[in-house]
Amino acid sequence: MARNEIITTSGTHNVLAIGTVIKGDICAEEDFRIDGTIEGDITCKGKIIIGAQSSITGNIECTNIEMMGKVTGNICCTNNIILRASANLNGEIKSQTIEIEPGAIFSGTCSMLTE
């Protein structure tokens, strides 16, 4: 197990496949992997993984998030945000912790949440 890997307790998750486009807001109780395109806000009580081919325009609220794709919007994350090398984020971040790999693009502001 990689030291950066975030463990979730959930046994199920949602998947949005490459080539799928959703226009509208999404609320999810479980983990969510996004490889498609979303135009709208996302609220997730679990972990969100944004695949390298994905594109999201909207605000995101979640527990943990791992980004490899493109997001235009604000992210509020109660635990940890990881911006992988292929990530492109244009917006505001609010989180307890943040990891940014070399090569990731982040244009915006960041503020740390306190417990």
PDB file of N, CA and C in Angstrom:
ATOM      1  N   MET A   1       0.843  -1.179   0.000  1.00  0.00           N
ATOM      2  CA  MET A   1       0.000   0.000   0.000  1.00  0.00           C
ATOM      3  C   MET A   1       0.888   1.241   0.000  1.00  0.00           C
ATOM      4  N   ALA A   2       0.613   2.159  -0.887  1.00  0.00           N
ATOM      5  CA  ALA A   2       1.367   3.408  -0.963  1.00  0.00           C
ATOM      6  C   ALA A   2       1.068   4.259   0.266  1.00  0.00           C
ATOM      7  N   ARG A   3       2.025   5.021   0.714  1.00  0.00           N
ATOM      8  CA  ARG A   3       1.822   5.818   1.914  1.00  0.00           C
ATOM      9  C   ARG A   3       0.816   6.938   1.678  1.00  0.00           C
ATOM     10  N   ASN A   4       0.602   7.347   0.422  1.00  0.00           N
ATOM     11  CA  ASN A   4      -0.343   8.419   0.097  1.00  0.00           C
ATOM     12  C   ASN A   4      -1.766   7.910  -0.037  1.00  0.00           C
ATOM     13  N   GLU A   5      -1.948   6.598  -0.098  1.00  0.00           N
ATOM     14  CA  GLU A   5      -3.268   6.040  -0.345  1.00  0.00           C
ATOM     15  C   GLU A   5      -4.200   6.303   0.833  1.00  0.00           C
ATOM     16  N   ILE A   6      -5.422   6.722   0.514  1.00  0.00           N
ATOM     17  CA  ILE A   6      -6.414   7.003   1.538  1.00  0.00           C
ATOM     18  C   ILE A   6      -7.361   5.811   1.617  1.00  0.00           C
ATOM     19  N   ILE A   7      -7.504   5.250   2.784  1.00  0.00           N
ATOM     20  CA  ILE A   7      -8.377   4.104   2.983  1.00  0.00           C
ATOM     21  C   ILE A   7      -9.785   4.604   3.268  1.00  0.00           C
ATOM     22  N   THR A   8     -10.758   3.985   2.624  1.00  0.00           N
ATOM     23  CA  THR A   8     -12.149   4.312   2.897  1.00  0.00           C
ATOM     24  C   THR A   8     -12.828   3.094   3.491  1.00  0.00           C
ATOM     25  N   THR A   9     -13.848   3.328   4.276  1.00  0.00           N
ATOM     26  CA  THR A   9     -14.548   2.239   4.929  1.00  0.00           C
ATOM     27  C   THR A   9     -15.716   1.735   4.099  1.00  0.00           C
ATOM     28  N   SER A  10     -16.030   2.424   3.060  1.00  0.00           N
ATOM     29  CA  SER A  10     -17.173   2.082   2.237  1.00  0.00           C
ATOM     30  C   SER A  10     -16.897   0.845   1.396  1.00  0.00           C
ATOM     31  N   GLY A  11     -17.904   0.009   1.227  1.00  0.00           N
ATOM     32  CA  GLY A  11     -17.755  -1.182   0.393  1.00  0.00           C
ATOM     33  C   GLY A  11     -18.231  -0.958  -1.033  1.00  0.00           C
ATOM     34  N   THR A  12     -18.923   0.142  -1.301  1.00  0.00           N
ATOM     35  CA  THR A  12     -19.437   0.411  -2.632  1.00  0.00           C
ATOM     36  C   THR A  12     -18.951   1.767  -3.112  1.00  0.00           C
ATOM     37  N   HIS A  13     -19.042   1.973  -4.427  1.00  0.00           N
ATOM     38  CA  HIS A  13     -18.668   3.266  -4.988  1.00  0.00           C
ATOM     39  C   HIS A  13     -19.415   3.486  -6.302  1.00  0.00           C
ATOM     40  N   ASN A  14     -19.435   4.727  -6.741  1.00  0.00           N
ATOM     41  CA  ASN A  14     -20.053   5.129  -7.998  1.00  0.00           C
ATOM     42  C   ASN A  14     -18.960   5.376  -9.017  1.00  0.00           C
ATOM     43  N   VAL A  15     -19.277   5.151 -10.307  1.00  0.00           N
ATOM     44  CA  VAL A  15     -18.312   5.388 -11.378  1.00  0.00           C
ATOM     45  C   VAL A  15     -19.002   6.136 -12.505  1.00  0.00           C
ATOM     46  N   LEU A  16     -18.362   7.203 -12.991  1.00  0.00           N
ATOM     47  CA  LEU A  16     -18.815   7.920 -14.171  1.00  0.00           C
ATOM     48  C   LEU A  16     -17.773   7.671 -15.252  1.00  0.00           C
ATOM     49  N   ALA A  17     -18.136   6.915 -16.278  1.00  0.00           N
ATOM     50  CA  ALA A  17     -17.185   6.443 -17.289  1.00  0.00           C
ATOM     51  C   ALA A  17     -16.768   7.544 -18.265  1.00  0.00           C
ATOM     52  N   ILE A  18     -15.622   7.318 -18.905  1.00  0.00           N
ATOM     53  CA  ILE A  18     -15.121   8.215 -19.956  1.00  0.00           C
ATOM     54  C   ILE A  18     -16.188   8.317 -21.046  1.00  0.00           C
ATOM     55  N   GLY A  19     -16.403   9.523 -21.539  1.00  0.00           N
ATOM     56  CA  GLY A  19     -17.383   9.743 -22.597  1.00  0.00           C
ATOM     57  C   GLY A  19     -18.763  10.100 -22.078  1.00  0.00           C
ATOM     58  N   THR A  20     -18.991   9.958 -20.781  1.00  0.00           N
ATOM     59  CA  THR A  20     -20.280  10.305 -20.183  1.00  0.00           C
ATOM     60  C   THR A  20     -20.252  11.762 -19.751  1.00  0.00           C
ATOM     61  N   VAL A  21     -21.338  12.492 -20.073  1.00  0.00           N
ATOM     62  CA  VAL A  21     -21.455  13.899 -19.707  1.00  0.00           C
ATOM     63  C   VAL A  21     -22.712  14.074 -18.856  1.00  0.00           C
ATOM     64  N   ILE A  22     -22.563  14.712 -17.710  1.00  0.00           N
ATOM     65  CA  ILE A  22     -23.696  15.020 -16.846  1.00  0.00           C
ATOM     66  C   ILE A  22     -23.758  16.521 -16.667  1.00  0.00           C
ATOM     67  N   LYS A  23     -24.946  17.085 -16.891  1.00  0.00           N
ATOM     68  CA  LYS A  23     -25.185  18.507 -16.650  1.00  0.00           C
ATOM     69  C   LYS A  23     -26.200  18.595 -15.526  1.00  0.00           C
ATOM     70  N   GLY A  24     -25.731  19.009 -14.351  1.00  0.00           N
ATOM     71  CA  GLY A  24     -26.580  19.080 -13.171  1.00  0.00           C
ATOM     72  C   GLY A  24     -25.790  18.726 -11.940  1.00  0.00           C
ATOM     73  N   ASP A  25     -26.391  18.943 -10.786  1.00  0.00           N
ATOM     74  CA  ASP A  25     -25.722  18.683  -9.518  1.00  0.00           C
ATOM     75  C   ASP A  25     -25.805  17.210  -9.152  1.00  0.00           C
ATOM     76  N   ILE A  26     -24.784  16.730  -8.428  1.00  0.00           N
ATOM     77  CA  ILE A  26     -24.717  15.329  -8.016  1.00  0.00           C
ATOM     78  C   ILE A  26     -24.520  15.271  -6.504  1.00  0.00           C
ATOM     79  N   CYS A  27     -25.297  14.402  -5.847  1.00  0.00           N
ATOM     80  CA  CYS A  27     -25.121  14.104  -4.422  1.00  0.00           C
ATOM     81  C   CYS A  27     -24.861  12.616  -4.306  1.00  0.00           C
ATOM     82  N   ALA A  28     -23.783  12.240  -3.618  1.00  0.00           N
ATOM     83  CA  ALA A  28     -23.433  10.829  -3.466  1.00  0.00           C
ATOM     84  C   ALA A  28     -23.116  10.537  -2.008  1.00  0.00           C
ATOM     85  N   GLU A  29     -23.611   9.423  -1.520  1.00  0.00           N
ATOM     86  CA  GLU A  29     -23.342   8.981  -0.158  1.00  0.00           C
ATOM     87  C   GLU A  29     -22.039   8.192  -0.079  1.00  0.00           C
ATOM     88  N   GLU A  30     -21.661   7.537  -1.179  1.00  0.00           N
ATOM     89  CA  GLU A  30     -20.501   6.643  -1.205  1.00  0.00           C
ATOM     90  C   GLU A  30     -19.379   7.244  -2.042  1.00  0.00           C
ATOM     91  N   ASP A  31     -18.246   6.551  -2.100  1.00  0.00           N
ATOM     92  CA  ASP A  31     -17.097   6.978  -2.903  1.00  0.00           C
ATOM     93  C   ASP A  31     -17.504   7.127  -4.362  1.00  0.00           C
ATOM     94  N   PHE A  32     -16.799   7.998  -5.090  1.00  0.00           N
ATOM     95  CA  PHE A  32     -17.187   8.337  -6.454  1.00  0.00           C
ATOM     96  C   PHE A  32     -15.936   8.493  -7.314  1.00  0.00           C
ATOM     97  N   ARG A  33     -15.832   7.694  -8.380  1.00  0.00           N
ATOM     98  CA  ARG A  33     -14.746   7.851  -9.349  1.00  0.00           C
ATOM     99  C   ARG A  33     -15.329   8.507 -10.592  1.00  0.00           C
ATOM    100  N   ILE A  34     -14.692   9.590 -11.038  1.00  0.00           N
ATOM    101  CA  ILE A  34     -15.183  10.352 -12.184  1.00  0.00           C
ATOM    102  C   ILE A  34     -14.139  10.304 -13.285  1.00  0.00           C
ATOM    103  N   ASP A  35     -14.515   9.732 -14.423  1.00  0.00           N
ATOM    104  CA  ASP A  35     -13.651   9.730 -15.598  1.00  0.00           C
ATOM    105  C   ASP A  35     -14.294  10.491 -16.750  1.00  0.00           C
ATOM    106  N   GLY A  36     -15.522  10.942 -16.574  1.00  0.00           N
ATOM    107  CA  GLY A  36     -16.251  11.666 -17.617  1.00  0.00           C
ATOM    108  C   GLY A  36     -16.241  13.163 -17.368  1.00  0.00           C
ATOM    109  N   THR A  37     -17.310  13.832 -17.823  1.00  0.00           N
ATOM    110  CA  THR A  37     -17.439  15.285 -17.730  1.00  0.00           C
ATOM    111  C   THR A  37     -18.672  15.635 -16.913  1.00  0.00           C
ATOM    112  N   ILE A  38     -18.517  16.564 -15.980  1.00  0.00           N
ATOM    113  CA  ILE A  38     -19.637  17.036 -15.171  1.00  0.00           C
ATOM    114  C   ILE A  38     -19.670  18.551 -15.218  1.00  0.00           C
ATOM    115  N   GLU A  39     -20.852  19.082 -15.496  1.00  0.00           N
ATOM    116  CA  GLU A  39     -21.101  20.518 -15.410  1.00  0.00           C
ATOM    117  C   GLU A  39     -22.138  20.713 -14.320  1.00  0.00           C
ATOM    118  N   GLY A  40     -21.671  20.959 -13.115  1.00  0.00           N
ATOM    119  CA  GLY A  40     -22.547  21.105 -11.959  1.00  0.00           C
ATOM    120  C   GLY A  40     -21.776  20.839 -10.690  1.00  0.00           C
ATOM    121  N   ASP A  41     -22.432  21.068  -9.567  1.00  0.00           N
ATOM    122  CA  ASP A  41     -21.792  20.893  -8.267  1.00  0.00           C
ATOM    123  C   ASP A  41     -21.866  19.433  -7.826  1.00  0.00           C
ATOM    124  N   ILE A  42     -20.863  19.003  -7.048  1.00  0.00           N
ATOM    125  CA  ILE A  42     -20.793  17.633  -6.547  1.00  0.00           C
ATOM    126  C   ILE A  42     -20.676  17.677  -5.027  1.00  0.00           C
ATOM    127  N   THR A  43     -21.532  16.924  -4.358  1.00  0.00           N
ATOM    128  CA  THR A  43     -21.462  16.742  -2.917  1.00  0.00           C
ATOM    129  C   THR A  43     -21.324  15.249  -2.666  1.00  0.00           C
ATOM    130  N   CYS A  44     -20.272  14.851  -1.958  1.00  0.00           N
ATOM    131  CA  CYS A  44     -20.005  13.428  -1.724  1.00  0.00           C
ATOM    132  C   CYS A  44     -19.533  13.239  -0.294  1.00  0.00           C
ATOM    133  N   LYS A  45     -20.140  12.291   0.421  1.00  0.00           N
ATOM    134  CA  LYS A  45     -19.749  12.025   1.803  1.00  0.00           C
ATOM    135  C   LYS A  45     -18.525  11.112   1.887  1.00  0.00           C
ATOM    136  N   GLY A  46     -18.081  10.575   0.754  1.00  0.00           N
ATOM    137  CA  GLY A  46     -16.914   9.704   0.719  1.00  0.00           C
ATOM    138  C   GLY A  46     -15.756  10.353  -0.010  1.00  0.00           C
ATOM    139  N   LYS A  47     -14.930   9.503  -0.610  1.00  0.00           N
ATOM    140  CA  LYS A  47     -13.758   9.949  -1.370  1.00  0.00           C
ATOM    141  C   LYS A  47     -14.143  10.117  -2.835  1.00  0.00           C
ATOM    142  N   ILE A  48     -13.607  11.151  -3.469  1.00  0.00           N
ATOM    143  CA  ILE A  48     -13.779  11.365  -4.901  1.00  0.00           C
ATOM    144  C   ILE A  48     -12.427  11.177  -5.577  1.00  0.00           C
ATOM    145  N   ILE A  49     -12.425  10.419  -6.666  1.00  0.00           N
ATOM    146  CA  ILE A  49     -11.239  10.287  -7.511  1.00  0.00           C
ATOM    147  C   ILE A  49     -11.604  10.887  -8.861  1.00  0.00           C
ATOM    148  N   ILE A  50     -10.830  11.870  -9.285  1.00  0.00           N
ATOM    149  CA  ILE A  50     -11.062  12.528 -10.572  1.00  0.00           C
ATOM    150  C   ILE A  50      -9.986  12.042 -11.521  1.00  0.00           C
ATOM    151  N   GLY A  51     -10.390  11.194 -12.482  1.00  0.00           N
ATOM    152  CA  GLY A  51      -9.458  10.585 -13.424  1.00  0.00           C
ATOM    153  C   GLY A  51      -8.798  11.593 -14.346  1.00  0.00           C
ATOM    154  N   ALA A  52      -7.711  11.179 -14.973  1.00  0.00           N
ATOM    155  CA  ALA A  52      -6.899  12.066 -15.814  1.00  0.00           C
ATOM    156  C   ALA A  52      -7.653  12.617 -17.022  1.00  0.00           C
ATOM    157  N   GLN A  53      -8.646  11.888 -17.536  1.00  0.00           N
ATOM    158  CA  GLN A  53      -9.390  12.327 -18.711  1.00  0.00           C
ATOM    159  C   GLN A  53     -10.637  13.136 -18.347  1.00  0.00           C
ATOM    160  N   SER A  54     -10.898  13.328 -17.068  1.00  0.00           N
ATOM    161  CA  SER A  54     -12.134  13.973 -16.632  1.00  0.00           C
ATOM    162  C   SER A  54     -12.035  15.492 -16.653  1.00  0.00           C
ATOM    163  N   SER A  55     -13.231  16.110 -16.699  1.00  0.00           N
ATOM    164  CA  SER A  55     -13.336  17.558 -16.661  1.00  0.00           C
ATOM    165  C   SER A  55     -14.574  17.919 -15.846  1.00  0.00           C
ATOM    166  N   ILE A  56     -14.384  18.753 -14.831  1.00  0.00           N
ATOM    167  CA  ILE A  56     -15.489  19.163 -13.977  1.00  0.00           C
ATOM    168  C   ILE A  56     -15.538  20.679 -13.919  1.00  0.00           C
ATOM    169  N   THR A  57     -16.724  21.222 -14.160  1.00  0.00           N
ATOM    170  CA  THR A  57     -16.958  22.649 -13.998  1.00  0.00           C
ATOM    171  C   THR A  57     -18.037  22.784 -12.936  1.00  0.00           C
ATOM    172  N   GLY A  58     -17.632  23.177 -11.739  1.00  0.00           N
ATOM    173  CA  GLY A  58     -18.557  23.288 -10.618  1.00  0.00           C
ATOM    174  C   GLY A  58     -17.820  23.139  -9.305  1.00  0.00           C
ATOM    175  N   ASN A  59     -18.523  23.358  -8.224  1.00  0.00           N
ATOM    176  CA  ASN A  59     -17.938  23.273  -6.890  1.00  0.00           C
ATOM    177  C   ASN A  59     -18.050  21.852  -6.352  1.00  0.00           C
ATOM    178  N   ILE A  60     -17.088  21.469  -5.516  1.00  0.00           N
ATOM    179  CA  ILE A  60     -17.045  20.114  -4.967  1.00  0.00           C
ATOM    180  C   ILE A  60     -16.946  20.185  -3.448  1.00  0.00           C
ATOM    181  N   GLU A  61     -17.789  19.384  -2.768  1.00  0.00           N
ATOM    182  CA  GLU A  61     -17.696  19.191  -1.323  1.00  0.00           C
ATOM    183  C   GLU A  61     -17.537  17.702  -1.083  1.00  0.00           C
ATOM    184  N   CYS A  62     -16.514  17.323  -0.290  1.00  0.00           N
ATOM    185  CA  CYS A  62     -16.263  15.898  -0.058  1.00  0.00           C
ATOM    186  C   CYS A  62     -15.427  15.703   1.199  1.00  0.00           C
ATOM    187  N   THR A  63     -15.163  14.428   1.511  1.00  0.00           N
ATOM    188  CA  THR A  63     -14.328  14.082   2.650  1.00  0.00           C
ATOM    189  C   THR A  63     -12.859  14.026   2.246  1.00  0.00           C
ATOM    190  N   ASN A  64     -12.558  13.308   1.139  1.00  0.00           N
ATOM    191  CA  ASN A  64     -11.217  13.204   0.572  1.00  0.00           C
ATOM    192  C   ASN A  64     -11.344  13.306  -0.936  1.00  0.00           C
ATOM    193  N   ILE A  65     -10.296  13.812  -1.591  1.00  0.00           N
ATOM    194  CA  ILE A  65     -10.320  13.902  -3.048  1.00  0.00           C
ATOM    195  C   ILE A  65      -8.912  13.686  -3.591  1.00  0.00           C
ATOM    196  N   GLU A  66      -8.835  12.923  -4.674  1.00  0.00           N
ATOM    197  CA  GLU A  66      -7.588  12.705  -5.397  1.00  0.00           C
ATOM    198  C   GLU A  66      -7.835  13.146  -6.828  1.00  0.00           C
ATOM    199  N   MET A  67      -7.103  14.161  -7.273  1.00  0.00           N
ATOM    200  CA  MET A  67      -7.312  14.756  -8.599  1.00  0.00           C
ATOM    201  C   MET A  67      -6.197  14.412  -9.562  1.00  0.00           C
ATOM    202  N   MET A  68      -6.609  13.953 -10.746  1.00  0.00           N
ATOM    203  CA  MET A  68      -5.673  13.756 -11.838  1.00  0.00           C
ATOM    204  C   MET A  68      -6.132  14.514 -13.075  1.00  0.00           C
ATOM    205  N   GLY A  69      -7.392  14.944 -13.085  1.00  0.00           N
ATOM    206  CA  GLY A  69      -7.985  15.630 -14.229  1.00  0.00           C
ATOM    207  C   GLY A  69      -8.119  17.124 -13.993  1.00  0.00           C
ATOM    208  N   LYS A  70      -9.090  17.728 -14.696  1.00  0.00           N
ATOM    209  CA  LYS A  70      -9.271  19.177 -14.673  1.00  0.00           C
ATOM    210  C   LYS A  70     -10.531  19.555 -13.903  1.00  0.00           C
ATOM    211  N   VAL A  71     -10.390  20.539 -13.013  1.00  0.00           N
ATOM    212  CA  VAL A  71     -11.522  21.071 -12.266  1.00  0.00           C
ATOM    213  C   VAL A  71     -11.476  22.589 -12.330  1.00  0.00           C
ATOM    214  N   THR A  72     -12.612  23.180 -12.688  1.00  0.00           N
ATOM    215  CA  THR A  72     -12.784  24.626 -12.630  1.00  0.00           C
ATOM    216  C   THR A  72     -13.898  24.873 -11.621  1.00  0.00           C
ATOM    217  N   GLY A  73     -13.521  25.296 -10.431  1.00  0.00           N
ATOM    218  CA  GLY A  73     -14.480  25.500  -9.350  1.00  0.00           C
ATOM    219  C   GLY A  73     -13.787  25.377  -8.010  1.00  0.00           C
ATOM    220  N   ASN A  74     -14.543  25.584  -6.966  1.00  0.00           N
ATOM    221  CA  ASN A  74     -13.998  25.554  -5.609  1.00  0.00           C
ATOM    222  C   ASN A  74     -14.164  24.168  -4.998  1.00  0.00           C
ATOM    223  N   ILE A  75     -13.188  23.781  -4.160  1.00  0.00           N
ATOM    224  CA  ILE A  75     -13.231  22.485  -3.487  1.00  0.00           C
ATOM    225  C   ILE A  75     -13.171  22.711  -1.983  1.00  0.00           C
ATOM    226  N   CYS A  76     -14.147  22.135  -1.275  1.00  0.00           N
ATOM    227  CA  CYS A  76     -14.144  22.129   0.181  1.00  0.00           C
ATOM    228  C   CYS A  76     -14.075  20.669   0.610  1.00  0.00           C
ATOM    229  N   CYS A  77     -12.976  20.306   1.261  1.00  0.00           N
ATOM    230  CA  CYS A  77     -12.694  18.919   1.601  1.00  0.00           C
ATOM    231  C   CYS A  77     -12.388  18.839   3.097  1.00  0.00           C
ATOM    232  N   THR A  78     -13.142  18.025   3.830  1.00  0.00           N
ATOM    233  CA  THR A  78     -12.976  17.984   5.284  1.00  0.00           C
ATOM    234  C   THR A  78     -11.683  17.302   5.724  1.00  0.00           C
ATOM    235  N   ASN A  79     -11.070  16.471   4.864  1.00  0.00           N
ATOM    236  CA  ASN A  79      -9.830  15.794   5.249  1.00  0.00           C
ATOM    237  C   ASN A  79      -8.666  16.173   4.341  1.00  0.00           C
ATOM    238  N   ASN A  80      -8.457  15.422   3.242  1.00  0.00           N
ATOM    239  CA  ASN A  80      -7.237  15.539   2.458  1.00  0.00           C
ATOM    240  C   ASN A  80      -7.509  15.729   0.965  1.00  0.00           C
ATOM    241  N   ILE A  81      -6.749  16.612   0.351  1.00  0.00           N
ATOM    242  CA  ILE A  81      -6.768  16.814  -1.093  1.00  0.00           C
ATOM    243  C   ILE A  81      -5.402  16.410  -1.631  1.00  0.00           C
ATOM    244  N   ILE A  82      -5.406  15.602  -2.701  1.00  0.00           N
ATOM    245  CA  ILE A  82      -4.164  15.246  -3.385  1.00  0.00           C
ATOM    246  C   ILE A  82      -4.289  15.706  -4.831  1.00  0.00           C
ATOM    247  N   LEU A  83      -3.373  16.568  -5.260  1.00  0.00           N
ATOM    248  CA  LEU A  83      -3.303  16.992  -6.655  1.00  0.00           C
ATOM    249  C   LEU A  83      -2.146  16.224  -7.288  1.00  0.00           C
ATOM    250  N   ARG A  84      -2.472  15.242  -8.112  1.00  0.00           N
ATOM    251  CA  ARG A  84      -1.449  14.454  -8.799  1.00  0.00           C
ATOM    252  C   ARG A  84      -0.812  15.303  -9.901  1.00  0.00           C
ATOM    253  N   ALA A  85       0.269  14.820 -10.476  1.00  0.00           N
ATOM    254  CA  ALA A  85       1.061  15.581 -11.453  1.00  0.00           C
ATOM    255  C   ALA A  85       0.239  16.055 -12.655  1.00  0.00           C
ATOM    256  N   SER A  86      -0.798  15.302 -13.051  1.00  0.00           N
ATOM    257  CA  SER A  86      -1.604  15.672 -14.217  1.00  0.00           C
ATOM    258  C   SER A  86      -2.799  16.556 -13.867  1.00  0.00           C
ATOM    259  N   ALA A  87      -2.973  16.906 -12.594  1.00  0.00           N
ATOM    260  CA  ALA A  87      -4.122  17.703 -12.152  1.00  0.00           C
ATOM    261  C   ALA A  87      -4.027  19.146 -12.628  1.00  0.00           C
ATOM    262  N   ASN A  88      -5.203  19.721 -12.901  1.00  0.00           N
ATOM    263  CA  ASN A  88      -5.300  21.119 -13.290  1.00  0.00           C
ATOM    264  C   ASN A  88      -6.501  21.705 -12.548  1.00  0.00           C
ATOM    265  N   LEU A  89      -6.246  22.512 -11.533  1.00  0.00           N
ATOM    266  CA  LEU A  89      -7.310  23.086 -10.704  1.00  0.00           C
ATOM    267  C   LEU A  89      -7.286  24.596 -10.789  1.00  0.00           C
ATOM    268  N   ASN A  90      -8.436  25.171 -11.121  1.00  0.00           N
ATOM    269  CA  ASN A  90      -8.602  26.617 -11.149  1.00  0.00           C
ATOM    270  C   ASN A  90      -9.735  26.944 -10.189  1.00  0.00           C
ATOM    271  N   GLY A  91      -9.385  27.359  -8.963  1.00  0.00           N
ATOM    272  CA  GLY A  91     -10.403  27.659  -7.966  1.00  0.00           C
ATOM    273  C   GLY A  91      -9.824  27.704  -6.572  1.00  0.00           C
ATOM    274  N   GLU A  92     -10.703  27.803  -5.612  1.00  0.00           N
ATOM    275  CA  GLU A  92     -10.329  27.916  -4.212  1.00  0.00           C
ATOM    276  C   GLU A  92     -10.365  26.548  -3.543  1.00  0.00           C
ATOM    277  N   ILE A  93      -9.395  26.298  -2.665  1.00  0.00           N
ATOM    278  CA  ILE A  93      -9.350  25.062  -1.895  1.00  0.00           C
ATOM    279  C   ILE A  93      -9.524  25.392  -0.419  1.00  0.00           C
ATOM    280  N   LYS A  94     -10.374  24.592   0.252  1.00  0.00           N
ATOM    281  CA  LYS A  94     -10.461  24.610   1.713  1.00  0.00           C
ATOM    282  C   LYS A  94     -10.336  23.164   2.149  1.00  0.00           C
ATOM    283  N   SER A  95      -9.318  22.873   2.976  1.00  0.00           N
ATOM    284  CA  SER A  95      -9.050  21.494   3.381  1.00  0.00           C
ATOM    285  C   SER A  95      -8.207  21.479   4.642  1.00  0.00           C
ATOM    286  N   GLN A  96      -8.190  20.308   5.328  1.00  0.00           N
ATOM    287  CA  GLN A  96      -7.294  20.154   6.481  1.00  0.00           C
ATOM    288  C   GLN A  96      -5.865  19.947   6.016  1.00  0.00           C
ATOM    289  N   THR A  97      -5.665  19.108   4.975  1.00  0.00           N
ATOM    290  CA  THR A  97      -4.324  18.870   4.447  1.00  0.00           C
ATOM    291  C   THR A  97      -4.389  18.866   2.926  1.00  0.00           C
ATOM    292  N   ILE A  98      -3.255  19.188   2.304  1.00  0.00           N
ATOM    293  CA  ILE A  98      -3.173  19.198   0.844  1.00  0.00           C
ATOM    294  C   ILE A  98      -1.799  18.683   0.434  1.00  0.00           C
ATOM    295  N   GLU A  99      -1.792  17.856  -0.616  1.00  0.00           N
ATOM    296  CA  GLU A  99      -0.556  17.377  -1.218  1.00  0.00           C
ATOM    297  C   GLU A  99      -0.588  17.787  -2.693  1.00  0.00           C
ATOM    298  N   ILE A 100       0.501  18.381  -3.165  1.00  0.00           N
ATOM    299  CA  ILE A 100       0.588  18.787  -4.568  1.00  0.00           C
ATOM    300  C   ILE A 100       1.855  18.182  -5.156  1.00  0.00           C
ATOM    301  N   GLU A 101       1.687  17.303  -6.142  1.00  0.00           N
ATOM    302  CA  GLU A 101       2.840  16.692  -6.800  1.00  0.00           C
ATOM    303  C   GLU A 101       3.440  17.665  -7.809  1.00  0.00           C
ATOM    304  N   PRO A 102       4.743  17.561  -8.059  1.00  0.00           N
ATOM    305  CA  PRO A 102       5.373  18.378  -9.101  1.00  0.00           C
ATOM    306  C   PRO A 102       4.682  18.142 -10.437  1.00  0.00           C
ATOM    307  N   GLY A 103       4.394  19.212 -11.148  1.00  0.00           N
ATOM    308  CA  GLY A 103       3.716  19.125 -12.442  1.00  0.00           C
ATOM    309  C   GLY A 103       2.248  19.490 -12.371  1.00  0.00           C
ATOM    310  N   ALA A 104       1.650  19.408 -11.200  1.00  0.00           N
ATOM    311  CA  ALA A 104       0.241  19.779 -11.042  1.00  0.00           C
ATOM    312  C   ALA A 104       0.097  21.286 -11.234  1.00  0.00           C
ATOM    313  N   ILE A 105      -1.045  21.685 -11.795  1.00  0.00           N
ATOM    314  CA  ILE A 105      -1.323  23.110 -12.012  1.00  0.00           C
ATOM    315  C   ILE A 105      -2.424  23.523 -11.045  1.00  0.00           C
ATOM    316  N   PHE A 106      -2.159  24.545 -10.237  1.00  0.00           N
ATOM    317  CA  PHE A 106      -3.134  25.064  -9.281  1.00  0.00           C
ATOM    318  C   PHE A 106      -3.141  26.575  -9.370  1.00  0.00           C
ATOM    319  N   SER A 107      -4.267  27.130  -9.823  1.00  0.00           N
ATOM    320  CA  SER A 107      -4.439  28.579  -9.909  1.00  0.00           C
ATOM    321  C   SER A 107      -5.602  28.955  -9.006  1.00  0.00           C
ATOM    322  N   GLY A 108      -5.299  29.600  -7.904  1.00  0.00           N
ATOM    323  CA  GLY A 108      -6.349  29.972  -6.962  1.00  0.00           C
ATOM    324  C   GLY A 108      -5.790  30.205  -5.584  1.00  0.00           C
ATOM    325  N   THR A 109      -6.659  30.041  -4.588  1.00  0.00           N
ATOM    326  CA  THR A 109      -6.253  30.256  -3.198  1.00  0.00           C
ATOM    327  C   THR A 109      -6.480  28.977  -2.393  1.00  0.00           C
ATOM    328  N   CYS A 110      -5.791  28.896  -1.270  1.00  0.00           N
ATOM    329  CA  CYS A 110      -5.933  27.736  -0.406  1.00  0.00           C
ATOM    330  C   CYS A 110      -6.016  28.223   1.031  1.00  0.00           C
ATOM    331  N   SER A 111      -6.999  27.704   1.767  1.00  0.00           N
ATOM    332  CA  SER A 111      -7.073  27.979   3.193  1.00  0.00           C
ATOM    333  C   SER A 111      -7.264  26.671   3.928  1.00  0.00           C
ATOM    334  N   MET A 112      -6.672  26.570   5.105  1.00  0.00           N
ATOM    335  CA  MET A 112      -6.691  25.331   5.864  1.00  0.00           C
ATOM    336  C   MET A 112      -7.849  25.335   6.851  1.00  0.00           C
ATOM    337  N   LEU A 113      -8.581  24.218   6.860  1.00  0.00           N
ATOM    338  CA  LEU A 113      -9.660  24.041   7.830  1.00  0.00           C
ATOM    339  C   LEU A 113      -9.066  23.559   9.142  1.00  0.00           C
ATOM    340  N   THR A 114      -9.631  23.983  10.248  1.00  0.00           N
ATOM    341  CA  THR A 114      -9.210  23.480  11.543  1.00  0.00           C
ATOM    342  C   THR A 114     -10.282  22.517  12.037  1.00  0.00           C
ATOM    343  N   GLU A 115      -9.854  21.584  12.873  1.00  0.00           N
ATOM    344  CA  GLU A 115     -10.786  20.562  13.352  1.00  0.00           C
ATOM    345  C   GLU A 115     -11.855  21.141  14.233  1.00  0.00           C
TER     346      GLU A 115
END
